[in-house]
């Protein structure tokens, strides 16, 4: 997954000591959620109480 251009700009702004706007922070969290979903192999999922067929890790 390639990092979107706006994320690169936001990181540069942050690491150069600038304050981020609410929209920029939301963009960062959206990107991190997408990245987490790509990296998640399902081993951290627990069976949900609603019985919707969630995963259970044994072992």
Protein backbone atom coordinates (compact mmCIF):
# COMPACT_ATOMS: atom_id res chain seq x y z
CA UNK A 1 0.00 0.00 0.00
CA UNK A 2 1.44 3.30 -1.08
CA UNK A 3 1.11 6.24 1.26
CA UNK A 4 -1.31 8.88 -0.09
CA UNK A 5 0.21 12.27 -0.94
CA UNK A 6 -1.86 14.11 1.67
CA UNK A 7 -0.55 11.78 4.38
CA UNK A 8 3.04 12.56 3.36
CA UNK A 9 2.29 16.28 3.56
CA UNK A 10 0.62 15.91 6.95
CA UNK A 11 3.59 13.93 8.32
CA UNK A 12 6.04 16.54 7.03
CA UNK A 13 4.00 19.29 8.65
CA UNK A 14 3.81 17.41 11.97
CA UNK A 15 7.50 16.49 12.11
CA UNK A 16 8.46 20.10 11.37
CA UNK A 17 6.64 21.24 14.51
CA UNK A 18 3.41 22.54 12.99
CA UNK A 19 0.00 22.02 14.55
CA UNK A 20 -2.36 19.72 12.66
CA UNK A 21 -5.97 20.59 11.94
CA UNK A 22 -8.84 18.33 12.99
CA UNK A 23 -9.30 17.26 9.35
CA UNK A 24 -5.61 16.36 9.04
CA UNK A 25 -5.75 14.31 12.23
CA UNK A 26 -8.89 12.53 10.97
CA UNK A 27 -7.12 11.79 7.66
CA UNK A 28 -4.20 10.25 9.58
CA UNK A 29 -6.50 8.05 11.65
CA UNK A 30 -8.42 6.96 8.55
CA UNK A 31 -5.14 5.97 6.92
CA UNK A 32 -4.04 4.05 10.03
CA UNK A 33 -7.37 2.18 10.18
CA UNK A 34 -6.99 1.18 6.52
CA UNK A 35 -3.43 0.04 7.16
CA UNK A 36 -4.47 -1.94 10.22
CA UNK A 37 -7.20 -3.68 8.21
CA UNK A 38 -4.64 -4.70 5.59
CA UNK A 39 -2.26 -6.06 8.21
CA UNK A 40 -4.87 -7.81 10.35
CA UNK A 41 -4.74 -11.57 9.79
CA UNK A 42 -7.83 -12.24 11.90
CA UNK A 43 -5.88 -13.67 14.84
CA UNK A 44 -6.99 -10.84 17.12
CA UNK A 45 -10.69 -11.31 16.51
CA UNK A 46 -12.93 -12.62 19.25
CA UNK A 47 -16.29 -14.30 18.92
CA UNK A 48 -18.94 -11.67 19.25
CA UNK A 49 -21.78 -12.02 21.67
CA UNK A 50 -24.27 -11.34 18.88
CA UNK A 51 -23.50 -14.72 17.30
CA UNK A 52 -22.68 -13.25 13.92
CA UNK A 53 -19.93 -15.78 13.18
CA UNK A 54 -16.93 -13.96 14.62
CA UNK A 55 -13.56 -15.66 14.93
CA UNK A 56 -12.11 -17.26 18.04
CA UNK A 57 -8.40 -17.78 18.55
CA UNK A 58 -7.48 -21.01 20.31
CA UNK A 59 -4.11 -22.05 21.59
